[in-house]
C-alpha atoms as a PDB file:
ATOM      1  CA  UNK A   1      58.368  -3.326 -78.674  1.00  0.00           C
ATOM      2  CA  UNK A   2      59.528   0.299 -78.456  1.00  0.00           C
ATOM      3  CA  UNK A   3      56.480   1.399 -80.447  1.00  0.00           C
ATOM      4  CA  UNK A   4      54.172  -0.614 -78.143  1.00  0.00           C
ATOM      5  CA  UNK A   5      55.758   0.932 -75.045  1.00  0.00           C
ATOM      6  CA  UNK A   6      55.368   4.412 -76.500  1.00  0.00           C
ATOM      7  CA  UNK A   7      51.731   3.677 -77.349  1.00  0.00           C
ATOM      8  CA  UNK A   8      51.001   2.394 -73.842  1.00  0.00           C
ATOM      9  CA  UNK A   9      52.742   5.399 -72.344  1.00  0.00           C
ATOM     10  CA  UNK A  10      50.667   7.761 -74.477  1.00  0.00           C
ATOM     11  CA  UNK A  11      47.473   5.887 -73.538  1.00  0.00           C
ATOM     12  CA  UNK A  12      48.279   6.196 -69.854  1.00  0.00           C
ATOM     13  CA  UNK A  13      48.999   9.912 -70.187  1.00  0.00           C
ATOM     14  CA  UNK A  14      45.785  10.386 -72.150  1.00  0.00           C
ATOM     15  CA  UNK A  15      43.765   8.642 -69.440  1.00  0.00           C
ATOM     16  CA  UNK A  16      45.265  10.850 -66.738  1.00  0.00           C
ATOM     17  CA  UNK A  17      44.463  13.959 -68.784  1.00  0.00           C
ATOM     18  CA  UNK A  18      40.881  12.811 -69.311  1.00  0.00           C
ATOM     19  CA  UNK A  19      40.592  11.957 -65.628  1.00  0.00           C
ATOM     20  CA  UNK A  20      41.812  15.368 -64.525  1.00  0.00           C
ATOM     21  CA  UNK A  21      39.417  16.996 -66.984  1.00  0.00           C
ATOM     22  CA  UNK A  22      36.470  15.064 -65.592  1.00  0.00           C
ATOM     23  CA  UNK A  23      37.491  15.987 -62.070  1.00  0.00           C
ATOM     24  CA  UNK A  24      37.213  19.646 -62.933  1.00  0.00           C
ATOM     25  CA  UNK A  25      34.007  19.319 -64.928  1.00  0.00           C
ATOM     26  CA  UNK A  26      31.816  16.934 -62.961  1.00  0.00           C
ATOM     27  CA  UNK A  27      33.045  16.848 -59.381  1.00  0.00           C
ATOM     28  CA  UNK A  28      30.346  16.895 -56.725  1.00  0.00           C
ATOM     29  CA  UNK A  29      32.292  16.440 -53.518  1.00  0.00           C
ATOM     30  CA  UNK A  30      35.648  16.087 -51.861  1.00  0.00           C
ATOM     31  CA  UNK A  31      37.211  13.493 -49.577  1.00  0.00           C
ATOM     32  CA  UNK A  32      37.896  15.385 -46.348  1.00  0.00           C
ATOM     33  CA  UNK A  33      38.975  12.412 -44.218  1.00  0.00           C
ATOM     34  CA  UNK A  34      40.801   9.342 -45.509  1.00  0.00           C
ATOM     35  CA  UNK A  35      42.105   6.796 -43.020  1.00  0.00           C
ATOM     36  CA  UNK A  36      43.138   3.439 -44.376  1.00  0.00           C
ATOM     37  CA  UNK A  37      42.511   2.583 -48.026  1.00  0.00           C
ATOM     38  CA  UNK A  38      39.651   4.185 -49.964  1.00  0.00           C
ATOM     39  CA  UNK A  39      39.148   2.747 -53.426  1.00  0.00           C
ATOM     40  CA  UNK A  40      37.214   4.666 -56.055  1.00  0.00           C
ATOM     41  CA  UNK A  41      35.947   2.868 -59.141  1.00  0.00           C
ATOM     42  CA  UNK A  42      35.436   5.447 -61.857  1.00  0.00           C
ATOM     43  CA  UNK A  43      34.777   4.653 -65.469  1.00  0.00           C
ATOM     44  CA  UNK A  44      36.648   1.386 -65.957  1.00  0.00           C
ATOM     45  CA  UNK A  45      39.479   2.188 -63.564  1.00  0.00           C
ATOM     46  CA  UNK A  46      40.186   1.387 -59.921  1.00  0.00           C
ATOM     47  CA  UNK A  47      41.776   4.348 -58.120  1.00  0.00           C
ATOM     48  CA  UNK A  48      43.111   5.027 -54.632  1.00  0.00           C
ATOM     49  CA  UNK A  49      41.825   8.256 -53.081  1.00  0.00           C
ATOM     50  CA  UNK A  50      43.458  10.456 -50.452  1.00  0.00           C
ATOM     51  CA  UNK A  51      42.288  13.551 -48.618  1.00  0.00           C
ATOM     52  CA  UNK A  52      41.466  16.242 -51.160  1.00  0.00           C
ATOM     53  CA  UNK A  53      40.420  13.826 -53.922  1.00  0.00           C
ATOM     54  CA  UNK A  54      37.228  14.753 -55.730  1.00  0.00           C
ATOM     55  CA  UNK A  55      34.168  12.553 -55.974  1.00  0.00           C
ATOM     56  CA  UNK A  56      32.002  12.424 -59.103  1.00  0.00           C
ATOM     57  CA  UNK A  57      28.560  11.132 -60.086  1.00  0.00           C
ATOM     58  CA  UNK A  58      28.860   7.458 -60.942  1.00  0.00           C
ATOM     59  CA  UNK A  59      31.681   6.779 -58.481  1.00  0.00           C
ATOM     60  CA  UNK A  60      31.794   3.631 -56.396  1.00  0.00           C
ATOM     61  CA  UNK A  61      33.539   4.194 -53.059  1.00  0.00           C
ATOM     62  CA  UNK A  62      34.857   1.307 -50.977  1.00  0.00           C
ATOM     63  CA  UNK A  63      36.827   1.310 -47.724  1.00  0.00           C
ATOM     64  CA  UNK A  64      38.956  -1.547 -46.491  1.00  0.00           C
ATOM     65  CA  UNK A  65      38.318  -3.284 -43.167  1.00  0.00           C
ATOM     66  CA  UNK A  66      40.214  -0.542 -41.322  1.00  0.00           C
ATOM     67  CA  UNK A  67      39.271   2.383 -43.497  1.00  0.00           C
ATOM     68  CA  UNK A  68      37.269   5.458 -42.515  1.00  0.00           C
ATOM     69  CA  UNK A  69      36.252   8.099 -45.010  1.00  0.00           C
ATOM     70  CA  UNK A  70      34.310  11.365 -45.016  1.00  0.00           C
ATOM     71  CA  UNK A  71      33.024  12.997 -48.194  1.00  0.00           C
ATOM     72  CA  UNK A  72      31.571  16.511 -48.229  1.00  0.00           C
ATOM     73  CA  UNK A  73      29.423  17.863 -51.046  1.00  0.00           C
ATOM     74  CA  UNK A  74      28.669  21.318 -52.356  1.00  0.00           C
ATOM     75  CA  UNK A  75      25.053  21.186 -51.154  1.00  0.00           C
ATOM     76  CA  UNK A  76      26.196  20.631 -47.568  1.00  0.00           C
ATOM     77  CA  UNK A  77      25.656  16.866 -47.489  1.00  0.00           C
ATOM     78  CA  UNK A  78      28.338  14.995 -45.522  1.00  0.00           C
ATOM     79  CA  UNK A  79      28.760  11.226 -45.814  1.00  0.00           C
ATOM     80  CA  UNK A  80      30.837   9.176 -43.385  1.00  0.00           C
ATOM     81  CA  UNK A  81      31.961   5.717 -44.504  1.00  0.00           C
ATOM     82  CA  UNK A  82      32.860   3.123 -41.898  1.00  0.00           C
ATOM     83  CA  UNK A  83      35.215   0.155 -42.316  1.00  0.00           C
ATOM     84  CA  UNK A  84      34.289  -2.347 -45.020  1.00  0.00           C
ATOM     85  CA  UNK A  85      31.755   0.008 -46.599  1.00  0.00           C
ATOM     86  CA  UNK A  86      30.655  -0.116 -50.243  1.00  0.00           C
ATOM     87  CA  UNK A  87      28.816   2.922 -51.592  1.00  0.00           C
ATOM     88  CA  UNK A  88      27.575   3.939 -55.044  1.00  0.00           C
ATOM     89  CA  UNK A  89      26.594   7.441 -56.207  1.00  0.00           C
ATOM     90  CA  UNK A  90      24.519   6.914 -59.364  1.00  0.00           C
ATOM     91  CA  UNK A  91      24.600   9.496 -62.129  1.00  0.00           C
ATOM     92  CA  UNK A  92      21.704  11.938 -61.909  1.00  0.00           C
ATOM     93  CA  UNK A  93      21.555  12.096 -65.721  1.00  0.00           C
ATOM     94  CA  UNK A  94      20.578   8.410 -65.883  1.00  0.00           C
ATOM     95  CA  UNK A  95      17.317   8.971 -63.992  1.00  0.00           C
ATOM     96  CA  UNK A  96      14.353   8.912 -66.340  1.00  0.00           C
ATOM     97  CA  UNK A  97      11.062  10.755 -66.026  1.00  0.00           C
ATOM     98  CA  UNK A  98       9.558   7.968 -63.951  1.00  0.00           C
ATOM     99  CA  UNK A  99      12.388   7.993 -61.424  1.00  0.00           C
ATOM    100  CA  UNK A 100      11.470   8.374 -57.778  1.00  0.00           C
ATOM    101  CA  UNK A 101      12.242  11.779 -56.217  1.00  0.00           C
ATOM    102  CA  UNK A 102      15.448  12.258 -54.263  1.00  0.00           C
ATOM    103  CA  UNK A 103      19.106  11.775 -55.170  1.00  0.00           C
ATOM    104  CA  UNK A 104      19.859   8.041 -54.694  1.00  0.00           C
ATOM    105  CA  UNK A 105      22.792   6.873 -52.597  1.00  0.00           C
ATOM    106  CA  UNK A 106      23.240   3.095 -52.719  1.00  0.00           C
ATOM    107  CA  UNK A 107      24.703   1.365 -49.664  1.00  0.00           C
ATOM    108  CA  UNK A 108      25.581  -2.215 -50.551  1.00  0.00           C
ATOM    109  CA  UNK A 109      27.482  -3.105 -47.375  1.00  0.00           C
ATOM    110  CA  UNK A 110      28.967  -1.563 -44.258  1.00  0.00           C
ATOM    111  CA  UNK A 111      28.238   1.602 -42.301  1.00  0.00           C
ATOM    112  CA  UNK A 112      27.132   5.017 -43.508  1.00  0.00           C
ATOM    113  CA  UNK A 113      26.489   8.238 -41.622  1.00  0.00           C
ATOM    114  CA  UNK A 114      24.646  10.943 -43.551  1.00  0.00           C
ATOM    115  CA  UNK A 115      24.222  14.530 -42.400  1.00  0.00           C
ATOM    116  CA  UNK A 116      22.033  16.743 -44.582  1.00  0.00           C
ATOM    117  CA  UNK A 117      21.371  20.394 -43.758  1.00  0.00           C
ATOM    118  CA  UNK A 118      19.254  23.297 -44.919  1.00  0.00           C
ATOM    119  CA  UNK A 119      21.070  23.498 -48.261  1.00  0.00           C
ATOM    120  CA  UNK A 120      19.766  20.058 -49.283  1.00  0.00           C
ATOM    121  CA  UNK A 121      17.823  19.911 -52.567  1.00  0.00           C
ATOM    122  CA  UNK A 122      14.050  20.152 -52.316  1.00  0.00           C
ATOM    123  CA  UNK A 123      13.497  16.462 -53.047  1.00  0.00           C
ATOM    124  CA  UNK A 124      16.269  15.397 -50.653  1.00  0.00           C
ATOM    125  CA  UNK A 125      18.093  12.077 -50.762  1.00  0.00           C
ATOM    126  CA  UNK A 126      17.216   8.392 -50.832  1.00  0.00           C
ATOM    127  CA  UNK A 127      19.611   6.203 -48.862  1.00  0.00           C
ATOM    128  CA  UNK A 128      19.006   2.746 -50.315  1.00  0.00           C
ATOM    129  CA  UNK A 129      20.204  -0.670 -49.183  1.00  0.00           C
ATOM    130  CA  UNK A 130      18.849  -3.826 -50.825  1.00  0.00           C
ATOM    131  CA  UNK A 131      16.734  -4.619 -47.735  1.00  0.00           C
ATOM    132  CA  UNK A 132      15.652  -1.173 -46.556  1.00  0.00           C
ATOM    133  CA  UNK A 133      15.880   2.489 -47.444  1.00  0.00           C
ATOM    134  CA  UNK A 134      14.897   5.915 -46.192  1.00  0.00           C
ATOM    135  CA  UNK A 135      14.071   9.251 -47.784  1.00  0.00           C
ATOM    136  CA  UNK A 136      15.480  12.265 -45.926  1.00  0.00           C
ATOM    137  CA  UNK A 137      16.105  15.931 -46.478  1.00  0.00           C
ATOM    138  CA  UNK A 138      17.314  17.836 -43.409  1.00  0.00           C
ATOM    139  CA  UNK A 139      18.377  15.014 -41.108  1.00  0.00           C
ATOM    140  CA  UNK A 140      21.191  13.071 -39.478  1.00  0.00           C
ATOM    141  CA  UNK A 141      21.108   9.343 -40.145  1.00  0.00           C
ATOM    142  CA  UNK A 142      23.090   6.182 -39.410  1.00  0.00           C
ATOM    143  CA  UNK A 143      22.659   3.173 -41.683  1.00  0.00           C
ATOM    144  CA  UNK A 144      24.101  -0.320 -41.791  1.00  0.00           C
ATOM    145  CA  UNK A 145      23.743  -2.874 -44.582  1.00  0.00           C
ATOM    146  CA  UNK A 146      24.794  -6.494 -44.296  1.00  0.00           C
ATOM    147  CA  UNK A 147      23.006  -8.506 -46.952  1.00  0.00           C
ATOM    148  CA  UNK A 148      20.311  -9.498 -46.749  1.00  0.00           C
ATOM    149  CA  UNK A 149      19.341  -7.208 -43.846  1.00  0.00           C
ATOM    150  CA  UNK A 150      19.631  -3.509 -43.002  1.00  0.00           C
ATOM    151  CA  UNK A 151      19.236  -1.131 -40.044  1.00  0.00           C
ATOM    152  CA  UNK A 152      18.606   2.617 -39.795  1.00  0.00           C
ATOM    153  CA  UNK A 153      18.834   5.066 -36.899  1.00  0.00           C
ATOM    154  CA  UNK A 154      17.518   8.597 -37.336  1.00  0.00           C
ATOM    155  CA  UNK A 155      19.485  10.774 -34.934  1.00  0.00           C
ATOM    156  CA  UNK A 156      17.631  13.961 -35.880  1.00  0.00           C
ATOM    157  CA  UNK A 157      15.185  15.262 -38.450  1.00  0.00           C
ATOM    158  CA  UNK A 158      12.500  13.271 -40.199  1.00  0.00           C
ATOM    159  CA  UNK A 159      12.493  10.447 -42.717  1.00  0.00           C
ATOM    160  CA  UNK A 160      10.218   8.102 -44.606  1.00  0.00           C
ATOM    161  CA  UNK A 161      11.009   4.389 -44.760  1.00  0.00           C
ATOM    162  CA  UNK A 162      11.367   2.817 -48.194  1.00  0.00           C
ATOM    163  CA  UNK A 163      10.897  -0.889 -48.780  1.00  0.00           C
ATOM    164  CA  UNK A 164      12.673  -2.041 -51.970  1.00  0.00           C
ATOM    165  CA  UNK A 165      11.491  -5.052 -53.939  1.00  0.00           C
ATOM    166  CA  UNK A 166      13.610  -7.358 -56.094  1.00  0.00           C
ATOM    167  CA  UNK A 167      13.256  -4.997 -59.065  1.00  0.00           C
ATOM    168  CA  UNK A 168      14.474  -2.011 -57.033  1.00  0.00           C
ATOM    169  CA  UNK A 169      11.083  -0.293 -56.882  1.00  0.00           C
ATOM    170  CA  UNK A 170      10.404   1.100 -53.425  1.00  0.00           C
ATOM    171  CA  UNK A 171       7.188   1.192 -51.461  1.00  0.00           C
ATOM    172  CA  UNK A 172       6.853   4.172 -49.162  1.00  0.00           C
ATOM    173  CA  UNK A 173       6.500   2.976 -45.588  1.00  0.00           C
ATOM    174  CA  UNK A 174       6.106   4.525 -42.162  1.00  0.00           C
ATOM    175  CA  UNK A 175       7.433   7.901 -41.140  1.00  0.00           C
ATOM    176  CA  UNK A 176      10.538   7.864 -38.978  1.00  0.00           C
ATOM    177  CA  UNK A 177      11.062  10.498 -36.289  1.00  0.00           C
ATOM    178  CA  UNK A 178      14.084  11.670 -34.278  1.00  0.00           C
ATOM    179  CA  UNK A 179      15.601   8.898 -32.163  1.00  0.00           C
ATOM    180  CA  UNK A 180      13.732   6.101 -33.912  1.00  0.00           C
ATOM    181  CA  UNK A 181      15.363   2.926 -35.210  1.00  0.00           C
ATOM    182  CA  UNK A 182      14.237   0.623 -38.012  1.00  0.00           C
ATOM    183  CA  UNK A 183      15.502  -2.739 -39.146  1.00  0.00           C
ATOM    184  CA  UNK A 184      14.441  -5.298 -41.696  1.00  0.00           C
ATOM    185  CA  UNK A 185      15.352  -8.967 -41.904  1.00  0.00           C
ATOM    186  CA  UNK A 186      14.906 -11.134 -45.021  1.00  0.00           C
ATOM    187  CA  UNK A 187      11.301 -11.781 -46.063  1.00  0.00           C
ATOM    188  CA  UNK A 188       9.980  -9.645 -43.206  1.00  0.00           C
ATOM    189  CA  UNK A 189       8.410  -6.232 -42.809  1.00  0.00           C
ATOM    190  CA  UNK A 190      10.455  -3.464 -41.168  1.00  0.00           C
ATOM    191  CA  UNK A 191      10.389  -3.224 -37.395  1.00  0.00           C
ATOM    192  CA  UNK A 192      10.453   0.244 -35.814  1.00  0.00           C
ATOM    193  CA  UNK A 193      11.741   0.850 -32.288  1.00  0.00           C
ATOM    194  CA  UNK A 194      11.966   4.002 -30.183  1.00  0.00           C
ATOM    195  CA  UNK A 195      15.675   3.492 -29.593  1.00  0.00           C
ATOM    196  CA  UNK A 196      18.500   1.751 -31.477  1.00  0.00           C
ATOM    197  CA  UNK A 197      19.167  -1.906 -30.756  1.00  0.00           C
ATOM    198  CA  UNK A 198      21.989  -2.609 -28.298  1.00  0.00           C
ATOM    199  CA  UNK A 199      23.903  -4.647 -30.871  1.00  0.00           C
ATOM    200  CA  UNK A 200      23.640  -1.783 -33.390  1.00  0.00           C
ATOM    201  CA  UNK A 201      25.186   0.689 -30.959  1.00  0.00           C
ATOM    202  CA  UNK A 202      27.880  -1.749 -29.849  1.00  0.00           C
ATOM    203  CA  UNK A 203      29.106  -2.397 -33.394  1.00  0.00           C
ATOM    204  CA  UNK A 204      28.810   1.182 -34.660  1.00  0.00           C
ATOM    205  CA  UNK A 205      32.165   2.787 -35.632  1.00  0.00           C
ATOM    206  CA  UNK A 206      33.443   4.933 -32.780  1.00  0.00           C
ATOM    207  CA  UNK A 207      33.929   7.929 -35.064  1.00  0.00           C
ATOM    208  CA  UNK A 208      30.186   7.933 -35.798  1.00  0.00           C
ATOM    209  CA  UNK A 209      29.298   8.726 -32.183  1.00  0.00           C
ATOM    210  CA  UNK A 210      30.053  12.399 -32.826  1.00  0.00           C
ATOM    211  CA  UNK A 211      29.046  14.760 -35.611  1.00  0.00           C
ATOM    212  CA  UNK A 212      31.046  14.349 -38.809  1.00  0.00           C
ATOM    213  CA  UNK A 213      33.736  17.011 -39.310  1.00  0.00           C
ATOM    214  CA  UNK A 214      32.629  19.786 -41.678  1.00  0.00           C
ATOM    215  CA  UNK A 215      35.481  21.129 -43.819  1.00  0.00           C
ATOM    216  CA  UNK A 216      33.807  23.090 -46.632  1.00  0.00           C
ATOM    217  CA  UNK A 217      37.025  25.006 -47.334  1.00  0.00           C
ATOM    218  CA  UNK A 218      38.493  21.838 -48.899  1.00  0.00           C
ATOM    219  CA  UNK A 219      35.900  22.111 -51.666  1.00  0.00           C
ATOM    220  CA  UNK A 220      37.694  25.237 -52.865  1.00  0.00           C
ATOM    221  CA  UNK A 221      41.256  23.904 -52.711  1.00  0.00           C
ATOM    222  CA  UNK A 222      43.161  22.281 -55.551  1.00  0.00           C
ATOM    223  CA  UNK A 223      42.086  18.715 -56.224  1.00  0.00           C
ATOM    224  CA  UNK A 224      44.386  15.873 -55.228  1.00  0.00           C
ATOM    225  CA  UNK A 225      44.500  13.433 -58.128  1.00  0.00           C
ATOM    226  CA  UNK A 226      43.653   9.858 -57.121  1.00  0.00           C
ATOM    227  CA  UNK A 227      46.338   7.260 -57.753  1.00  0.00           C
ATOM    228  CA  UNK A 228      45.577   4.969 -60.675  1.00  0.00           C
ATOM    229  CA  UNK A 229      45.693   1.373 -59.478  1.00  0.00           C
ATOM    230  CA  UNK A 230      44.492  -0.753 -62.427  1.00  0.00           C
ATOM    231  CA  UNK A 231      41.519  -1.515 -64.626  1.00  0.00           C
ATOM    232  CA  UNK A 232      38.547  -2.973 -62.786  1.00  0.00           C
ATOM    233  CA  UNK A 233      38.111  -6.726 -62.758  1.00  0.00           C
ATOM    234  CA  UNK A 234      34.770  -8.459 -62.908  1.00  0.00           C
ATOM    235  CA  UNK A 235      35.045  -9.499 -59.254  1.00  0.00           C
ATOM    236  CA  UNK A 236      35.350  -5.801 -58.335  1.00  0.00           C
ATOM    237  CA  UNK A 237      31.963  -4.979 -59.805  1.00  0.00           C
ATOM    238  CA  UNK A 238      30.071  -8.285 -59.740  1.00  0.00           C
ATOM    239  CA  UNK A 239      27.876  -7.349 -56.760  1.00  0.00           C
ATOM    240  CA  UNK A 240      27.132  -3.920 -58.225  1.00  0.00           C
ATOM    241  CA  UNK A 241      26.134  -5.427 -61.575  1.00  0.00           C
ATOM    242  CA  UNK A 242      23.660  -7.659 -59.753  1.00  0.00           C
ATOM    243  CA  UNK A 243      21.789  -4.702 -58.273  1.00  0.00           C
ATOM    244  CA  UNK A 244      18.348  -3.993 -59.727  1.00  0.00           C
ATOM    245  CA  UNK A 245      18.632  -2.357 -63.139  1.00  0.00           C
ATOM    246  CA  UNK A 246      16.853   0.748 -61.803  1.00  0.00           C
ATOM    247  CA  UNK A 247      19.706   1.261 -59.321  1.00  0.00           C
ATOM    248  CA  UNK A 248      22.654   0.566 -61.611  1.00  0.00           C
ATOM    249  CA  UNK A 249      22.279   3.756 -63.607  1.00  0.00           C
ATOM    250  CA  UNK A 250      24.956   3.989 -66.303  1.00  0.00           C
ATOM    251  CA  UNK A 251      27.171   1.388 -64.622  1.00  0.00           C
ATOM    252  CA  UNK A 252      26.523  -1.513 -66.993  1.00  0.00           C
ATOM    253  CA  UNK A 253      26.843   0.716 -70.060  1.00  0.00           C
ATOM    254  CA  UNK A 254      30.162   2.209 -69.022  1.00  0.00           C
ATOM    255  CA  UNK A 255      31.705  -1.171 -68.140  1.00  0.00           C
ATOM    256  CA  UNK A 256      30.793  -2.758 -71.475  1.00  0.00           C
ATOM    257  CA  UNK A 257      34.210  -1.838 -72.902  1.00  0.00           C
ATOM    258  CA  UNK A 258      35.816  -4.203 -70.380  1.00  0.00           C
ATOM    259  CA  UNK A 259      34.222  -7.108 -72.243  1.00  0.00           C
ATOM    260  CA  UNK A 260      37.219  -6.904 -74.572  1.00  0.00           C
ATOM    261  CA  UNK A 261      39.277  -8.413 -71.760  1.00  0.00           C
ATOM    262  CA  UNK A 262      39.031 -12.250 -71.990  1.00  0.00           C
ATOM    263  CA  UNK A 263      38.867 -12.817 -68.222  1.00  0.00           C
ATOM    264  CA  UNK A 264      36.254 -10.118 -67.704  1.00  0.00           C
ATOM    265  CA  UNK A 265      34.239 -11.458 -70.629  1.00  0.00           C
ATOM    266  CA  UNK A 266      34.334 -15.050 -69.382  1.00  0.00           C
ATOM    267  CA  UNK A 267      33.103 -13.971 -65.944  1.00  0.00           C
ATOM    268  CA  UNK A 268      30.379 -11.843 -67.526  1.00  0.00           C
ATOM    269  CA  UNK A 269      29.150 -14.811 -69.572  1.00  0.00           C
ATOM    270  CA  UNK A 270      29.026 -16.957 -66.424  1.00  0.00           C
ATOM    271  CA  UNK A 271      26.824 -14.297 -64.798  1.00  0.00           C
ATOM    272  CA  UNK A 272      24.920 -13.268 -67.930  1.00  0.00           C
ATOM    273  CA  UNK A 273      21.395 -13.337 -66.386  1.00  0.00           C
ATOM    274  CA  UNK A 274      22.430 -10.606 -63.938  1.00  0.00           C
ATOM    275  CA  UNK A 275      22.997  -8.023 -66.660  1.00  0.00           C
ATOM    276  CA  UNK A 276      20.817  -8.716 -69.725  1.00  0.00           C
ATOM    277  CA  UNK A 277      21.920  -5.370 -71.206  1.00  0.00           C
ATOM    278  CA  UNK A 278      25.065  -7.134 -72.417  1.00  0.00           C
ATOM    279  CA  UNK A 279      23.286 -10.044 -74.087  1.00  0.00           C
ATOM    280  CA  UNK A 280      23.684  -8.722 -77.636  1.00  0.00           C
ATOM    281  CA  UNK A 281      27.389  -8.062 -77.010  1.00  0.00           C
ATOM    282  CA  UNK A 282      28.124 -11.389 -75.339  1.00  0.00           C
ATOM    283  CA  UNK A 283      26.005 -13.423 -77.770  1.00  0.00           C
ATOM    284  CA  UNK A 284      25.899 -11.528 -81.092  1.00  0.00           C
ATOM    285  CA  UNK A 285      23.443 -12.946 -83.649  1.00  0.00           C
ATOM    286  CA  UNK A 286      24.867 -15.034 -86.437  1.00  0.00           C
ATOM    287  CA  UNK A 287      25.049 -13.250 -89.793  1.00  0.00           C
ATOM    288  CA  UNK A 288      22.544 -14.519 -92.371  1.00  0.00           C
ATOM    289  CA  UNK A 289      23.784 -17.197 -94.738  1.00  0.00           C
ATOM    290  CA  UNK A 290      25.523 -15.776 -97.746  1.00  0.00           C
ATOM    291  CA  UNK A 291      26.370 -12.502 -96.030  1.00  0.00           C
ATOM    292  CA  UNK A 292      29.956 -11.309 -96.572  1.00  0.00           C
ATOM    293  CA  UNK A 293      32.311 -12.090 -93.699  1.00  0.00           C
ATOM    294  CA  UNK A 294      33.244  -9.246 -91.367  1.00  0.00           C
ATOM    295  CA  UNK A 295      36.826  -8.088 -91.757  1.00  0.00           C
END
């Protein structure tokens, strides 16, 4: 038992060292505002982030029903997360040659405010919800996703609507100008209005009525290590694993190690059609007759 405890202690210390190393090597942004609980799912771990925590490619960010978060990036992009928001920042390295232009930001649920300035990359960003998306560069945008519908309000700048299909491929739609509002209901085409819907404005988080606070100095301060909560459970990532494969990036690959956990594995088998990448792991082929048994 003593040896097991020592081993577990060493494993925990090793994870924290690896985590701190990744924070220094791959960070892309910093949490500048954290009110309520902000969970970060990184690798196979669920973490709790506070102000000063770094954000990396591949992170899933989720606020609780009272949480508000602001994340600022080195290229000047600022993202505001409202209560009950679920956001994914896919790895840029997982985008193949045929990938659509623009850094993807996946909004699964909740409210997002995005402010992109002159420092934005040339191909800009793609804010994508399952029902509706928009490509922007220098713009200020409000988005809400509540499956299976989505709404967008372009406060300033210009954007191009994106209509995702079930496979995650987007069709470029109408141009969106300053002050315009777009929404899409299930099995319908987007509707564009010259002003946001009354219900949209009434339910918008109060903190989104003003510009998001810019605190670029925090990008240069010492990182605040997120608190390790636990390993992710299947229920934590089920909805993300059911996104189109083109949107999941490296997510399925990195979570494959969790299949060693019996509960995670059982849930993955029950939802096997959602992530065919795991088929060979979940259902390995039988060895040919006469082959020596695996030790």
